[in-house]
Amino acid sequence: MMFVVGQNAELREAAKSAIVKLPEALPYESEEDAKSAEATAYLAREAKSWALFADPSHYRLYKTDEPDKVAIGFESPEASNPERVARAN
C-alpha cells in the first residue's frame, strides 16, 4: 500500500481509486463463488475492510535508526472491532 502514501500523485490517486472500487468488483475465485450469497457476503465484508487502505489518514510515519529513512505503519480503525478481534484469536 506504499502507493497510497507515496510521493507520485498519479500513482497515489490510481491506487486509492483501485482500492475503493474493490467492493464493486469482488475478487471471486470461481464461478461457483460468484453465485454464492455466502461468498459474496464474505468478500463484501473483506472489501470494505480493504477499502480502509485507500485512506492516507490511517497511515503513520515512524522514525528509524537511520536519519534519512522512515517506517510506514497502517493503523486500521477496525482493529478493535469485536469480530476482527475474535478472528485474530
C-alpha atoms as a PDB file:
ATOM      1  CA  MET A   1       0.000   0.000   0.000  1.00  0.00           C
ATOM      2  CA  MET A   2       3.008   2.243  -0.348  1.00  0.00           C
ATOM      3  CA  PHE A   3       1.435   3.897  -3.379  1.00  0.00           C
ATOM      4  CA  VAL A   4      -1.314   5.403  -1.208  1.00  0.00           C
ATOM      5  CA  VAL A   5       1.200   7.478   0.748  1.00  0.00           C
ATOM      6  CA  GLY A   6       3.875   7.771  -1.931  1.00  0.00           C
ATOM      7  CA  GLN A   7       5.160  10.965  -3.469  1.00  0.00           C
ATOM      8  CA  ASN A   8       3.925  10.250  -7.007  1.00  0.00           C
ATOM      9  CA  ALA A   9       0.474  11.877  -7.148  1.00  0.00           C
ATOM     10  CA  GLU A  10      -0.614   9.908 -10.232  1.00  0.00           C
ATOM     11  CA  LEU A  11       0.207   6.543  -8.657  1.00  0.00           C
ATOM     12  CA  ARG A  12      -1.280   7.657  -5.333  1.00  0.00           C
ATOM     13  CA  GLU A  13      -4.641   8.543  -6.919  1.00  0.00           C
ATOM     14  CA  ALA A  14      -4.679   5.420  -9.103  1.00  0.00           C
ATOM     15  CA  ALA A  15      -4.012   3.204  -6.080  1.00  0.00           C
ATOM     16  CA  LYS A  16      -6.705   4.873  -3.994  1.00  0.00           C
ATOM     17  CA  SER A  17      -9.211   4.608  -6.833  1.00  0.00           C
ATOM     18  CA  ALA A  18      -8.498   0.906  -7.411  1.00  0.00           C
ATOM     19  CA  ILE A  19      -8.743   0.077  -3.712  1.00  0.00           C
ATOM     20  CA  VAL A  20     -12.013   1.964  -3.236  1.00  0.00           C
ATOM     21  CA  LYS A  21     -13.528   0.093  -6.197  1.00  0.00           C
ATOM     22  CA  LEU A  22     -12.873  -3.337  -4.658  1.00  0.00           C
ATOM     23  CA  PRO A  23     -16.400  -3.620  -3.216  1.00  0.00           C
ATOM     24  CA  GLU A  24     -17.813  -3.063  -6.724  1.00  0.00           C
ATOM     25  CA  ALA A  25     -15.680  -5.780  -8.345  1.00  0.00           C
ATOM     26  CA  LEU A  26     -15.372  -8.558  -5.806  1.00  0.00           C
ATOM     27  CA  PRO A  27     -12.476 -10.938  -6.495  1.00  0.00           C
ATOM     28  CA  TYR A  28     -14.312 -14.227  -6.793  1.00  0.00           C
ATOM     29  CA  GLU A  29     -12.114 -17.301  -7.157  1.00  0.00           C
ATOM     30  CA  SER A  30     -14.640 -19.263  -9.177  1.00  0.00           C
ATOM     31  CA  GLU A  31     -17.984 -19.007 -10.938  1.00  0.00           C
ATOM     32  CA  GLU A  32     -19.470 -21.048  -8.120  1.00  0.00           C
ATOM     33  CA  ASP A  33     -18.325 -18.431  -5.590  1.00  0.00           C
ATOM     34  CA  ALA A  34     -19.838 -15.672  -7.723  1.00  0.00           C
ATOM     35  CA  LYS A  35     -23.223 -17.391  -7.399  1.00  0.00           C
ATOM     36  CA  SER A  36     -22.868 -17.950  -3.650  1.00  0.00           C
ATOM     37  CA  ALA A  37     -24.582 -15.463  -1.336  1.00  0.00           C
ATOM     38  CA  GLU A  38     -22.254 -16.551   1.470  1.00  0.00           C
ATOM     39  CA  ALA A  39     -19.128 -15.955  -0.625  1.00  0.00           C
ATOM     40  CA  THR A  40     -20.473 -12.593  -1.765  1.00  0.00           C
ATOM     41  CA  ALA A  41     -21.229 -11.504   1.801  1.00  0.00           C
ATOM     42  CA  TYR A  42     -17.762 -12.574   2.944  1.00  0.00           C
ATOM     43  CA  LEU A  43     -15.976 -10.808   0.090  1.00  0.00           C
ATOM     44  CA  ALA A  44     -18.088  -7.672   0.562  1.00  0.00           C
ATOM     45  CA  ARG A  45     -17.068  -7.506   4.249  1.00  0.00           C
ATOM     46  CA  GLU A  46     -13.434  -8.022   3.339  1.00  0.00           C
ATOM     47  CA  ALA A  47     -13.558  -5.443   0.539  1.00  0.00           C
ATOM     48  CA  LYS A  48     -14.999  -2.894   2.956  1.00  0.00           C
ATOM     49  CA  SER A  49     -12.012  -3.504   5.223  1.00  0.00           C
ATOM     50  CA  TRP A  50      -9.586  -3.369   2.305  1.00  0.00           C
ATOM     51  CA  ALA A  51     -11.035  -0.004   1.287  1.00  0.00           C
ATOM     52  CA  LEU A  52      -9.616   1.431   4.519  1.00  0.00           C
ATOM     53  CA  PHE A  53      -6.160   1.089   2.948  1.00  0.00           C
ATOM     54  CA  ALA A  54      -7.092   3.858   0.486  1.00  0.00           C
ATOM     55  CA  ASP A  55      -7.334   6.447   3.267  1.00  0.00           C
ATOM     56  CA  PRO A  56      -3.933   8.010   3.984  1.00  0.00           C
ATOM     57  CA  SER A  57      -5.109   9.136   7.435  1.00  0.00           C
ATOM     58  CA  HIS A  58      -4.770   5.529   8.629  1.00  0.00           C
ATOM     59  CA  TYR A  59      -1.034   5.501   7.951  1.00  0.00           C
ATOM     60  CA  ARG A  60       1.631   6.554  10.442  1.00  0.00           C
ATOM     61  CA  LEU A  61       5.240   7.503   9.828  1.00  0.00           C
ATOM     62  CA  TYR A  62       7.815   6.340  12.351  1.00  0.00           C
ATOM     63  CA  LYS A  63      11.408   7.401  12.761  1.00  0.00           C
ATOM     64  CA  THR A  64      14.034   4.736  12.277  1.00  0.00           C
ATOM     65  CA  ASP A  65      17.614   4.451  13.437  1.00  0.00           C
ATOM     66  CA  GLU A  66      18.666   5.719  10.029  1.00  0.00           C
ATOM     67  CA  PRO A  67      18.147   9.509   9.805  1.00  0.00           C
ATOM     68  CA  ASP A  68      17.110   9.512   6.141  1.00  0.00           C
ATOM     69  CA  LYS A  69      14.572   6.689   6.422  1.00  0.00           C
ATOM     70  CA  VAL A  70      11.122   6.284   7.940  1.00  0.00           C
ATOM     71  CA  ALA A  71       8.915   3.280   8.551  1.00  0.00           C
ATOM     72  CA  ILE A  72       5.277   3.412   7.487  1.00  0.00           C
ATOM     73  CA  GLY A  73       2.631   1.635   9.510  1.00  0.00           C
ATOM     74  CA  PHE A  74      -1.080   1.134   8.929  1.00  0.00           C
ATOM     75  CA  GLU A  75      -3.499   1.506  11.836  1.00  0.00           C
ATOM     76  CA  SER A  76      -6.890   0.081  11.000  1.00  0.00           C
ATOM     77  CA  PRO A  77      -9.856   1.733  12.687  1.00  0.00           C
ATOM     78  CA  GLU A  78     -11.410  -1.753  12.708  1.00  0.00           C
ATOM     79  CA  ALA A  79      -8.602  -3.244  14.814  1.00  0.00           C
ATOM     80  CA  SER A  80     -10.740  -3.186  17.951  1.00  0.00           C
ATOM     81  CA  ASN A  81     -13.868  -4.424  16.157  1.00  0.00           C
ATOM     82  CA  PRO A  82     -15.091  -7.471  18.177  1.00  0.00           C
ATOM     83  CA  GLU A  83     -15.470  -9.607  15.028  1.00  0.00           C
ATOM     84  CA  ARG A  84     -11.882  -8.827  13.965  1.00  0.00           C
ATOM     85  CA  VAL A  85     -10.535  -9.484  17.445  1.00  0.00           C
ATOM     86  CA  ALA A  86     -12.352 -12.834  17.612  1.00  0.00           C
ATOM     87  CA  ARG A  87     -10.942 -13.892  14.223  1.00  0.00           C
ATOM     88  CA  ALA A  88      -7.411 -12.920  15.247  1.00  0.00           C
ATOM     89  CA  ASN A  89      -7.529 -15.122  18.322  1.00  0.00           C
END
